[in-house]
């Protein structure tokens, strides 16, 4: 006896079954999928902020050192975190640093554009979330584990070893941060002036007169960050530590200045009161004119 089977398919030859399936497949609609990535819109870059600051700059008013130090501190903190994850940004520049404000007062600095970022595993850094645990490599094939792409980054902000050779460390980011800090502490009126001044810094190790006189400690830090030999550049964490010390010193100096100003104000008030008393007595003994 034959085994029971589907009556609909019982008498259909094998070849006709295949044709029937193909006909059915042609009627299946292909599913189309679209991936949407929601990103934060940052309208203000550090480049635009610098341009607006430089346009309003005057020698009398100078720069707002509190704003500059705030930007530098937050920018360094962001890059420190990137390095702690075992990553190199490789394209730090004012166009890739974004600023946002809450209540038109509180400034938040964010580092973006990780298109050239590269993972470099070290014993001190854990695996980055973007790294496959089995291969200890990025999911994106940037380059080989020991070599990096030659000539990546923006020329003005790229470290010498980044442009000339394929072996470098996250100290290339320290170099870029040094150039950015240089622009933060020194207003430039034209791009030509900015480029010439940066070239003097790199090749002649010369700082501008303003930085040398008004921001001596910051100038020394910039010179260290832009050392030609990468091994001589400080780690970002060390720079942050120095800045924290400077902040505490600045707070002490401000407190001392405020105390002196209060004493000066008290002296002026006392002198004014004495003069008022003297004037009152003069009025009492004055002879009325007829």
C-alpha atoms as a PDB file:
ATOM      1  CA  UNK A   1       0.000   0.000   0.000  1.00  0.00           C
ATOM      2  CA  UNK A   2       1.058   3.570  -0.681  1.00  0.00           C
ATOM      3  CA  UNK A   3       1.691   5.879   2.219  1.00  0.00           C
ATOM      4  CA  UNK A   4      -0.805   8.643   2.573  1.00  0.00           C
ATOM      5  CA  UNK A   5       0.394  11.965   1.259  1.00  0.00           C
ATOM      6  CA  UNK A   6      -0.937  15.388   0.440  1.00  0.00           C
ATOM      7  CA  UNK A   7      -3.571  14.957  -2.253  1.00  0.00           C
ATOM      8  CA  UNK A   8      -2.688  18.296  -3.809  1.00  0.00           C
ATOM      9  CA  UNK A   9       0.916  17.304  -4.412  1.00  0.00           C
ATOM     10  CA  UNK A  10       0.353  13.557  -4.976  1.00  0.00           C
ATOM     11  CA  UNK A  11      -0.006  13.602  -8.746  1.00  0.00           C
ATOM     12  CA  UNK A  12       2.327  16.530  -9.529  1.00  0.00           C
ATOM     13  CA  UNK A  13       5.588  15.467 -11.225  1.00  0.00           C
ATOM     14  CA  UNK A  14       8.855  16.610  -9.602  1.00  0.00           C
ATOM     15  CA  UNK A  15       9.682  19.112 -12.364  1.00  0.00           C
ATOM     16  CA  UNK A  16       6.287  20.732 -12.127  1.00  0.00           C
ATOM     17  CA  UNK A  17       6.682  21.031  -8.350  1.00  0.00           C
ATOM     18  CA  UNK A  18       9.888  23.068  -8.829  1.00  0.00           C
ATOM     19  CA  UNK A  19       8.208  25.346 -11.350  1.00  0.00           C
ATOM     20  CA  UNK A  20       5.348  25.896  -8.955  1.00  0.00           C
ATOM     21  CA  UNK A  21       7.732  26.860  -6.131  1.00  0.00           C
ATOM     22  CA  UNK A  22       9.587  29.283  -8.419  1.00  0.00           C
ATOM     23  CA  UNK A  23       6.292  30.878  -9.391  1.00  0.00           C
ATOM     24  CA  UNK A  24       5.459  31.290  -5.713  1.00  0.00           C
ATOM     25  CA  UNK A  25       8.840  32.893  -4.967  1.00  0.00           C
ATOM     26  CA  UNK A  26       8.338  35.488  -7.680  1.00  0.00           C
ATOM     27  CA  UNK A  27       5.267  36.753  -5.842  1.00  0.00           C
ATOM     28  CA  UNK A  28       7.133  37.232  -2.531  1.00  0.00           C
ATOM     29  CA  UNK A  29       7.871  40.922  -1.915  1.00  0.00           C
ATOM     30  CA  UNK A  30      11.459  41.687  -0.982  1.00  0.00           C
ATOM     31  CA  UNK A  31      11.735  43.414   2.385  1.00  0.00           C
ATOM     32  CA  UNK A  32      13.590  46.729   2.291  1.00  0.00           C
ATOM     33  CA  UNK A  33      15.229  47.977   5.469  1.00  0.00           C
ATOM     34  CA  UNK A  34      16.587  51.446   6.203  1.00  0.00           C
ATOM     35  CA  UNK A  35      18.934  52.151   9.092  1.00  0.00           C
ATOM     36  CA  UNK A  36      18.456  55.528  10.795  1.00  0.00           C
ATOM     37  CA  UNK A  37      21.118  56.899  13.123  1.00  0.00           C
ATOM     38  CA  UNK A  38      20.030  59.727  15.404  1.00  0.00           C
ATOM     39  CA  UNK A  39      22.879  62.089  16.231  1.00  0.00           C
ATOM     40  CA  UNK A  40      23.127  65.246  18.254  1.00  0.00           C
ATOM     41  CA  UNK A  41      23.174  68.469  16.252  1.00  0.00           C
ATOM     42  CA  UNK A  42      26.016  70.742  17.342  1.00  0.00           C
ATOM     43  CA  UNK A  43      25.811  74.073  15.567  1.00  0.00           C
ATOM     44  CA  UNK A  44      28.913  75.655  17.070  1.00  0.00           C
ATOM     45  CA  UNK A  45      32.413  74.339  16.422  1.00  0.00           C
ATOM     46  CA  UNK A  46      35.530  75.536  18.191  1.00  0.00           C
ATOM     47  CA  UNK A  47      36.691  76.950  14.843  1.00  0.00           C
ATOM     48  CA  UNK A  48      33.625  79.195  14.627  1.00  0.00           C
ATOM     49  CA  UNK A  49      33.980  80.166  18.293  1.00  0.00           C
ATOM     50  CA  UNK A  50      37.603  81.187  17.691  1.00  0.00           C
ATOM     51  CA  UNK A  51      36.653  83.238  14.633  1.00  0.00           C
ATOM     52  CA  UNK A  52      33.954  85.102  16.579  1.00  0.00           C
ATOM     53  CA  UNK A  53      36.281  85.618  19.549  1.00  0.00           C
ATOM     54  CA  UNK A  54      39.118  86.917  17.362  1.00  0.00           C
ATOM     55  CA  UNK A  55      36.791  89.314  15.502  1.00  0.00           C
ATOM     56  CA  UNK A  56      35.846  90.991  18.821  1.00  0.00           C
ATOM     57  CA  UNK A  57      39.333  90.865  20.315  1.00  0.00           C
ATOM     58  CA  UNK A  58      41.047  94.044  21.534  1.00  0.00           C
ATOM     59  CA  UNK A  59      44.403  94.469  23.278  1.00  0.00           C
ATOM     60  CA  UNK A  60      42.711  96.325  26.131  1.00  0.00           C
ATOM     61  CA  UNK A  61      40.182  93.604  26.974  1.00  0.00           C
ATOM     62  CA  UNK A  62      42.399  90.635  26.078  1.00  0.00           C
ATOM     63  CA  UNK A  63      40.998  87.098  26.024  1.00  0.00           C
ATOM     64  CA  UNK A  64      38.530  85.569  28.458  1.00  0.00           C
ATOM     65  CA  UNK A  65      40.995  83.291  30.240  1.00  0.00           C
ATOM     66  CA  UNK A  66      38.266  81.522  32.234  1.00  0.00           C
ATOM     67  CA  UNK A  67      36.469  80.433  29.032  1.00  0.00           C
ATOM     68  CA  UNK A  68      39.738  79.331  27.427  1.00  0.00           C
ATOM     69  CA  UNK A  69      40.784  77.279  30.450  1.00  0.00           C
ATOM     70  CA  UNK A  70      37.331  75.707  30.596  1.00  0.00           C
ATOM     71  CA  UNK A  71      37.569  74.652  26.941  1.00  0.00           C
ATOM     72  CA  UNK A  72      41.119  73.321  27.360  1.00  0.00           C
ATOM     73  CA  UNK A  73      40.228  71.328  30.480  1.00  0.00           C
ATOM     74  CA  UNK A  74      37.121  69.701  28.979  1.00  0.00           C
ATOM     75  CA  UNK A  75      38.879  68.974  25.686  1.00  0.00           C
ATOM     76  CA  UNK A  76      41.796  67.294  27.465  1.00  0.00           C
ATOM     77  CA  UNK A  77      39.396  65.292  29.657  1.00  0.00           C
ATOM     78  CA  UNK A  78      37.595  64.010  26.548  1.00  0.00           C
ATOM     79  CA  UNK A  79      40.846  62.960  24.850  1.00  0.00           C
ATOM     80  CA  UNK A  80      42.072  61.362  28.086  1.00  0.00           C
ATOM     81  CA  UNK A  81      38.940  59.166  28.062  1.00  0.00           C
ATOM     82  CA  UNK A  82      39.511  58.283  24.392  1.00  0.00           C
ATOM     83  CA  UNK A  83      43.073  57.178  25.186  1.00  0.00           C
ATOM     84  CA  UNK A  84      41.883  55.180  28.197  1.00  0.00           C
ATOM     85  CA  UNK A  85      39.731  53.174  25.791  1.00  0.00           C
ATOM     86  CA  UNK A  86      42.824  52.322  23.736  1.00  0.00           C
ATOM     87  CA  UNK A  87      41.917  54.654  20.877  1.00  0.00           C
ATOM     88  CA  UNK A  88      43.731  57.360  18.938  1.00  0.00           C
ATOM     89  CA  UNK A  89      41.595  60.085  17.386  1.00  0.00           C
ATOM     90  CA  UNK A  90      44.189  61.102  14.744  1.00  0.00           C
ATOM     91  CA  UNK A  91      42.243  64.131  13.475  1.00  0.00           C
ATOM     92  CA  UNK A  92      41.893  66.556  16.362  1.00  0.00           C
ATOM     93  CA  UNK A  93      41.329  70.118  15.173  1.00  0.00           C
ATOM     94  CA  UNK A  94      38.987  73.018  16.010  1.00  0.00           C
ATOM     95  CA  UNK A  95      36.514  71.840  13.355  1.00  0.00           C
ATOM     96  CA  UNK A  96      36.088  68.519  15.217  1.00  0.00           C
ATOM     97  CA  UNK A  97      35.551  70.083  18.645  1.00  0.00           C
ATOM     98  CA  UNK A  98      31.968  71.129  19.338  1.00  0.00           C
ATOM     99  CA  UNK A  99      30.528  73.538  21.901  1.00  0.00           C
ATOM    100  CA  UNK A 100      27.042  73.606  23.355  1.00  0.00           C
ATOM    101  CA  UNK A 101      25.527  75.916  25.954  1.00  0.00           C
ATOM    102  CA  UNK A 102      22.803  75.393  28.553  1.00  0.00           C
ATOM    103  CA  UNK A 103      21.005  78.480  29.837  1.00  0.00           C
ATOM    104  CA  UNK A 104      23.383  80.503  27.633  1.00  0.00           C
ATOM    105  CA  UNK A 105      26.045  80.165  30.339  1.00  0.00           C
ATOM    106  CA  UNK A 106      27.282  76.632  31.028  1.00  0.00           C
ATOM    107  CA  UNK A 107      29.600  75.488  28.262  1.00  0.00           C
ATOM    108  CA  UNK A 108      29.996  71.828  27.306  1.00  0.00           C
ATOM    109  CA  UNK A 109      32.870  70.765  25.051  1.00  0.00           C
ATOM    110  CA  UNK A 110      32.571  67.616  22.938  1.00  0.00           C
ATOM    111  CA  UNK A 111      35.068  65.877  20.656  1.00  0.00           C
ATOM    112  CA  UNK A 112      33.582  64.408  17.485  1.00  0.00           C
ATOM    113  CA  UNK A 113      34.333  62.963  14.031  1.00  0.00           C
ATOM    114  CA  UNK A 114      35.960  59.600  14.748  1.00  0.00           C
ATOM    115  CA  UNK A 115      36.286  58.709  11.065  1.00  0.00           C
ATOM    116  CA  UNK A 116      40.076  58.337  11.357  1.00  0.00           C
ATOM    117  CA  UNK A 117      40.142  56.883  14.874  1.00  0.00           C
ATOM    118  CA  UNK A 118      42.369  53.857  15.338  1.00  0.00           C
ATOM    119  CA  UNK A 119      42.490  51.228  18.059  1.00  0.00           C
ATOM    120  CA  UNK A 120      45.896  50.528  19.539  1.00  0.00           C
ATOM    121  CA  UNK A 121      45.833  47.889  22.306  1.00  0.00           C
ATOM    122  CA  UNK A 122      48.251  48.300  25.188  1.00  0.00           C
ATOM    123  CA  UNK A 123      48.730  46.465  28.471  1.00  0.00           C
ATOM    124  CA  UNK A 124      47.490  49.476  30.420  1.00  0.00           C
ATOM    125  CA  UNK A 125      44.264  49.995  28.475  1.00  0.00           C
ATOM    126  CA  UNK A 126      41.235  47.673  28.423  1.00  0.00           C
ATOM    127  CA  UNK A 127      39.519  46.502  25.273  1.00  0.00           C
ATOM    128  CA  UNK A 128      37.500  49.185  23.587  1.00  0.00           C
ATOM    129  CA  UNK A 129      33.746  48.476  23.238  1.00  0.00           C
ATOM    130  CA  UNK A 130      34.297  48.661  19.454  1.00  0.00           C
ATOM    131  CA  UNK A 131      36.779  45.782  19.536  1.00  0.00           C
ATOM    132  CA  UNK A 132      36.036  42.122  18.972  1.00  0.00           C
ATOM    133  CA  UNK A 133      37.096  40.147  22.045  1.00  0.00           C
ATOM    134  CA  UNK A 134      38.163  37.098  20.057  1.00  0.00           C
ATOM    135  CA  UNK A 135      40.542  38.886  17.690  1.00  0.00           C
ATOM    136  CA  UNK A 136      41.488  41.944  19.753  1.00  0.00           C
ATOM    137  CA  UNK A 137      40.985  44.074  16.646  1.00  0.00           C
ATOM    138  CA  UNK A 138      38.529  46.713  15.520  1.00  0.00           C
ATOM    139  CA  UNK A 139      35.423  45.579  13.669  1.00  0.00           C
ATOM    140  CA  UNK A 140      36.422  48.118  11.013  1.00  0.00           C
ATOM    141  CA  UNK A 141      39.613  47.196   9.102  1.00  0.00           C
ATOM    142  CA  UNK A 142      41.574  50.429   9.538  1.00  0.00           C
ATOM    143  CA  UNK A 143      45.017  48.940   9.002  1.00  0.00           C
ATOM    144  CA  UNK A 144      47.326  46.263  10.386  1.00  0.00           C
ATOM    145  CA  UNK A 145      47.835  45.966  14.170  1.00  0.00           C
ATOM    146  CA  UNK A 146      51.426  47.292  14.072  1.00  0.00           C
ATOM    147  CA  UNK A 147      51.195  49.862  11.271  1.00  0.00           C
ATOM    148  CA  UNK A 148      48.989  52.908  10.859  1.00  0.00           C
ATOM    149  CA  UNK A 149      47.947  54.852   7.814  1.00  0.00           C
ATOM    150  CA  UNK A 150      50.570  57.338   6.621  1.00  0.00           C
ATOM    151  CA  UNK A 151      49.539  60.934   6.028  1.00  0.00           C
ATOM    152  CA  UNK A 152      46.133  60.883   7.701  1.00  0.00           C
ATOM    153  CA  UNK A 153      44.740  63.891   9.567  1.00  0.00           C
ATOM    154  CA  UNK A 154      44.795  67.592   8.782  1.00  0.00           C
ATOM    155  CA  UNK A 155      48.284  68.836   7.919  1.00  0.00           C
ATOM    156  CA  UNK A 156      48.272  71.873  10.217  1.00  0.00           C
ATOM    157  CA  UNK A 157      47.391  69.753  13.260  1.00  0.00           C
ATOM    158  CA  UNK A 158      48.979  66.393  12.364  1.00  0.00           C
ATOM    159  CA  UNK A 159      52.160  65.379  14.198  1.00  0.00           C
ATOM    160  CA  UNK A 160      55.382  64.981  12.133  1.00  0.00           C
ATOM    161  CA  UNK A 161      55.532  61.202  12.645  1.00  0.00           C
ATOM    162  CA  UNK A 162      51.894  60.943  11.595  1.00  0.00           C
ATOM    163  CA  UNK A 163      52.702  62.460   8.197  1.00  0.00           C
ATOM    164  CA  UNK A 164      56.107  60.822   7.608  1.00  0.00           C
ATOM    165  CA  UNK A 165      55.985  57.275   8.979  1.00  0.00           C
ATOM    166  CA  UNK A 166      53.447  54.578   9.758  1.00  0.00           C
ATOM    167  CA  UNK A 167      54.522  53.851  13.343  1.00  0.00           C
ATOM    168  CA  UNK A 168      53.187  56.193  16.013  1.00  0.00           C
ATOM    169  CA  UNK A 169      51.267  56.269  19.279  1.00  0.00           C
ATOM    170  CA  UNK A 170      48.490  58.334  20.817  1.00  0.00           C
ATOM    171  CA  UNK A 171      51.082  61.100  21.310  1.00  0.00           C
ATOM    172  CA  UNK A 172      49.946  62.341  17.873  1.00  0.00           C
ATOM    173  CA  UNK A 173      46.783  63.546  19.632  1.00  0.00           C
ATOM    174  CA  UNK A 174      48.896  65.406  22.215  1.00  0.00           C
ATOM    175  CA  UNK A 175      50.608  67.287  19.370  1.00  0.00           C
ATOM    176  CA  UNK A 176      47.249  68.274  17.849  1.00  0.00           C
ATOM    177  CA  UNK A 177      45.986  69.445  21.235  1.00  0.00           C
ATOM    178  CA  UNK A 178      49.108  71.591  21.610  1.00  0.00           C
ATOM    179  CA  UNK A 179      48.395  73.406  18.334  1.00  0.00           C
ATOM    180  CA  UNK A 180      44.742  73.920  19.324  1.00  0.00           C
ATOM    181  CA  UNK A 181      45.780  75.318  22.719  1.00  0.00           C
ATOM    182  CA  UNK A 182      48.151  77.677  20.918  1.00  0.00           C
ATOM    183  CA  UNK A 183      45.228  79.094  18.938  1.00  0.00           C
ATOM    184  CA  UNK A 184      43.104  79.379  22.072  1.00  0.00           C
ATOM    185  CA  UNK A 185      45.652  81.492  23.969  1.00  0.00           C
ATOM    186  CA  UNK A 186      46.755  83.571  20.946  1.00  0.00           C
ATOM    187  CA  UNK A 187      44.097  85.426  18.910  1.00  0.00           C
ATOM    188  CA  UNK A 188      44.912  85.664  15.188  1.00  0.00           C
ATOM    189  CA  UNK A 189      43.403  88.303  12.939  1.00  0.00           C
ATOM    190  CA  UNK A 190      44.070  86.472   9.631  1.00  0.00           C
ATOM    191  CA  UNK A 191      44.656  82.893   8.513  1.00  0.00           C
ATOM    192  CA  UNK A 192      48.039  83.894   7.092  1.00  0.00           C
ATOM    193  CA  UNK A 193      49.124  85.198  10.491  1.00  0.00           C
ATOM    194  CA  UNK A 194      47.891  81.992  12.128  1.00  0.00           C
ATOM    195  CA  UNK A 195      49.752  79.720   9.689  1.00  0.00           C
ATOM    196  CA  UNK A 196      53.037  81.660   9.937  1.00  0.00           C
ATOM    197  CA  UNK A 197      52.847  81.684  13.729  1.00  0.00           C
ATOM    198  CA  UNK A 198      52.199  77.926  13.888  1.00  0.00           C
ATOM    199  CA  UNK A 199      55.122  77.327  11.521  1.00  0.00           C
ATOM    200  CA  UNK A 200      57.366  79.416  13.814  1.00  0.00           C
ATOM    201  CA  UNK A 201      56.208  77.327  16.750  1.00  0.00           C
ATOM    202  CA  UNK A 202      56.948  74.039  14.983  1.00  0.00           C
ATOM    203  CA  UNK A 203      60.216  74.823  13.202  1.00  0.00           C
ATOM    204  CA  UNK A 204      61.740  77.636  15.298  1.00  0.00           C
ATOM    205  CA  UNK A 205      60.188  76.799  18.686  1.00  0.00           C
ATOM    206  CA  UNK A 206      59.043  80.417  18.996  1.00  0.00           C
ATOM    207  CA  UNK A 207      55.982  81.576  20.893  1.00  0.00           C
ATOM    208  CA  UNK A 208      54.174  84.832  20.240  1.00  0.00           C
ATOM    209  CA  UNK A 209      55.072  87.834  22.385  1.00  0.00           C
ATOM    210  CA  UNK A 210      51.623  87.803  23.965  1.00  0.00           C
ATOM    211  CA  UNK A 211      51.839  84.171  25.112  1.00  0.00           C
ATOM    212  CA  UNK A 212      55.423  84.623  26.338  1.00  0.00           C
ATOM    213  CA  UNK A 213      54.435  87.615  28.481  1.00  0.00           C
ATOM    214  CA  UNK A 214      50.800  87.018  29.489  1.00  0.00           C
ATOM    215  CA  UNK A 215      50.554  83.200  29.469  1.00  0.00           C
ATOM    216  CA  UNK A 216      54.053  82.006  30.289  1.00  0.00           C
ATOM    217  CA  UNK A 217      53.045  78.722  32.000  1.00  0.00           C
ATOM    218  CA  UNK A 218      50.615  77.846  29.220  1.00  0.00           C
ATOM    219  CA  UNK A 219      53.307  78.623  26.643  1.00  0.00           C
ATOM    220  CA  UNK A 220      55.734  76.194  28.295  1.00  0.00           C
ATOM    221  CA  UNK A 221      53.016  73.540  28.286  1.00  0.00           C
ATOM    222  CA  UNK A 222      52.381  74.115  24.556  1.00  0.00           C
ATOM    223  CA  UNK A 223      56.107  73.762  23.805  1.00  0.00           C
ATOM    224  CA  UNK A 224      56.171  70.422  25.632  1.00  0.00           C
ATOM    225  CA  UNK A 225      53.060  69.180  23.818  1.00  0.00           C
ATOM    226  CA  UNK A 226      54.583  70.026  20.418  1.00  0.00           C
ATOM    227  CA  UNK A 227      57.979  68.388  20.909  1.00  0.00           C
ATOM    228  CA  UNK A 228      59.212  66.929  17.610  1.00  0.00           C
ATOM    229  CA  UNK A 229      60.243  63.729  19.405  1.00  0.00           C
ATOM    230  CA  UNK A 230      56.993  62.032  20.408  1.00  0.00           C
ATOM    231  CA  UNK A 231      58.422  60.311  23.495  1.00  0.00           C
ATOM    232  CA  UNK A 232      59.168  63.727  25.058  1.00  0.00           C
ATOM    233  CA  UNK A 233      55.539  64.830  24.878  1.00  0.00           C
ATOM    234  CA  UNK A 234      53.578  64.451  28.123  1.00  0.00           C
ATOM    235  CA  UNK A 235      50.573  62.190  28.511  1.00  0.00           C
ATOM    236  CA  UNK A 236      47.184  63.908  28.493  1.00  0.00           C
ATOM    237  CA  UNK A 237      46.610  62.803  32.091  1.00  0.00           C
ATOM    238  CA  UNK A 238      49.841  64.552  33.163  1.00  0.00           C
ATOM    239  CA  UNK A 239      48.795  67.760  31.429  1.00  0.00           C
ATOM    240  CA  UNK A 240      45.436  67.658  33.228  1.00  0.00           C
ATOM    241  CA  UNK A 241      47.221  67.177  36.544  1.00  0.00           C
ATOM    242  CA  UNK A 242      49.359  70.262  35.898  1.00  0.00           C
ATOM    243  CA  UNK A 243      46.302  72.285  34.888  1.00  0.00           C
ATOM    244  CA  UNK A 244      44.500  71.281  38.085  1.00  0.00           C
ATOM    245  CA  UNK A 245      47.492  72.528  40.085  1.00  0.00           C
ATOM    246  CA  UNK A 246      47.446  75.777  38.109  1.00  0.00           C
ATOM    247  CA  UNK A 247      43.701  76.160  38.757  1.00  0.00           C
ATOM    248  CA  UNK A 248      44.238  75.811  42.513  1.00  0.00           C
ATOM    249  CA  UNK A 249      47.074  78.322  42.382  1.00  0.00           C
ATOM    250  CA  UNK A 250      44.924  80.715  40.382  1.00  0.00           C
ATOM    251  CA  UNK A 251      42.108  80.394  42.946  1.00  0.00           C
ATOM    252  CA  UNK A 252      44.543  81.269  45.746  1.00  0.00           C
ATOM    253  CA  UNK A 253      45.830  84.254  43.767  1.00  0.00           C
ATOM    254  CA  UNK A 254      42.268  85.431  43.073  1.00  0.00           C
ATOM    255  CA  UNK A 255      41.370  85.149  46.759  1.00  0.00           C
ATOM    256  CA  UNK A 256      44.443  87.171  47.660  1.00  0.00           C
ATOM    257  CA  UNK A 257      43.566  89.792  45.030  1.00  0.00           C
ATOM    258  CA  UNK A 258      39.980  90.027  46.311  1.00  0.00           C
ATOM    259  CA  UNK A 259      41.227  90.435  49.875  1.00  0.00           C
ATOM    260  CA  UNK A 260      43.541  93.294  48.827  1.00  0.00           C
ATOM    261  CA  UNK A 261      40.743  94.937  46.855  1.00  0.00           C
ATOM    262  CA  UNK A 262      38.438  94.776  49.898  1.00  0.00           C
ATOM    263  CA  UNK A 263      41.082  96.417  52.075  1.00  0.00           C
ATOM    264  CA  UNK A 264      41.543  99.131  49.449  1.00  0.00           C
ATOM    265  CA  UNK A 265      37.777  99.721  49.279  1.00  0.00           C
ATOM    266  CA  UNK A 266      37.563  99.956  53.085  1.00  0.00           C
ATOM    267  CA  UNK A 267      40.374 102.528  53.091  1.00  0.00           C
ATOM    268  CA  UNK A 268      38.613 104.589  50.429  1.00  0.00           C
ATOM    269  CA  UNK A 269      35.323 104.446  52.346  1.00  0.00           C
ATOM    270  CA  UNK A 270      37.078 105.571  55.530  1.00  0.00           C
ATOM    271  CA  UNK A 271      38.763 108.448  53.702  1.00  0.00           C
ATOM    272  CA  UNK A 272      35.470 109.475  52.145  1.00  0.00           C
ATOM    273  CA  UNK A 273      33.718 109.434  55.522  1.00  0.00           C
ATOM    274  CA  UNK A 274      36.477 111.582  57.043  1.00  0.00           C
ATOM    275  CA  UNK A 275      36.146 114.088  54.222  1.00  0.00           C
ATOM    276  CA  UNK A 276      32.361 114.190  54.658  1.00  0.00           C
ATOM    277  CA  UNK A 277      32.743 114.896  58.390  1.00  0.00           C
ATOM    278  CA  UNK A 278      35.231 117.651  57.658  1.00  0.00           C
ATOM    279  CA  UNK A 279      32.866 119.231  55.163  1.00  0.00           C
ATOM    280  CA  UNK A 280      30.041 119.093  57.692  1.00  0.00           C
ATOM    281  CA  UNK A 281      32.120 120.933  60.283  1.00  0.00           C
ATOM    282  CA  UNK A 282      33.121 123.529  57.720  1.00  0.00           C
ATOM    283  CA  UNK A 283      29.478 124.223  56.983  1.00  0.00           C
ATOM    284  CA  UNK A 284      28.694 124.676  60.693  1.00  0.00           C
ATOM    285  CA  UNK A 285      31.375 127.338  61.157  1.00  0.00           C
ATOM    286  CA  UNK A 286      30.883 129.034  57.860  1.00  0.00           C
ATOM    287  CA  UNK A 287      29.748 132.673  57.972  1.00  0.00           C
ATOM    288  CA  UNK A 288      26.576 133.344  55.989  1.00  0.00           C
ATOM    289  CA  UNK A 289      27.066 135.855  53.236  1.00  0.00           C
ATOM    290  CA  UNK A 290      24.787 138.890  52.956  1.00  0.00           C
END
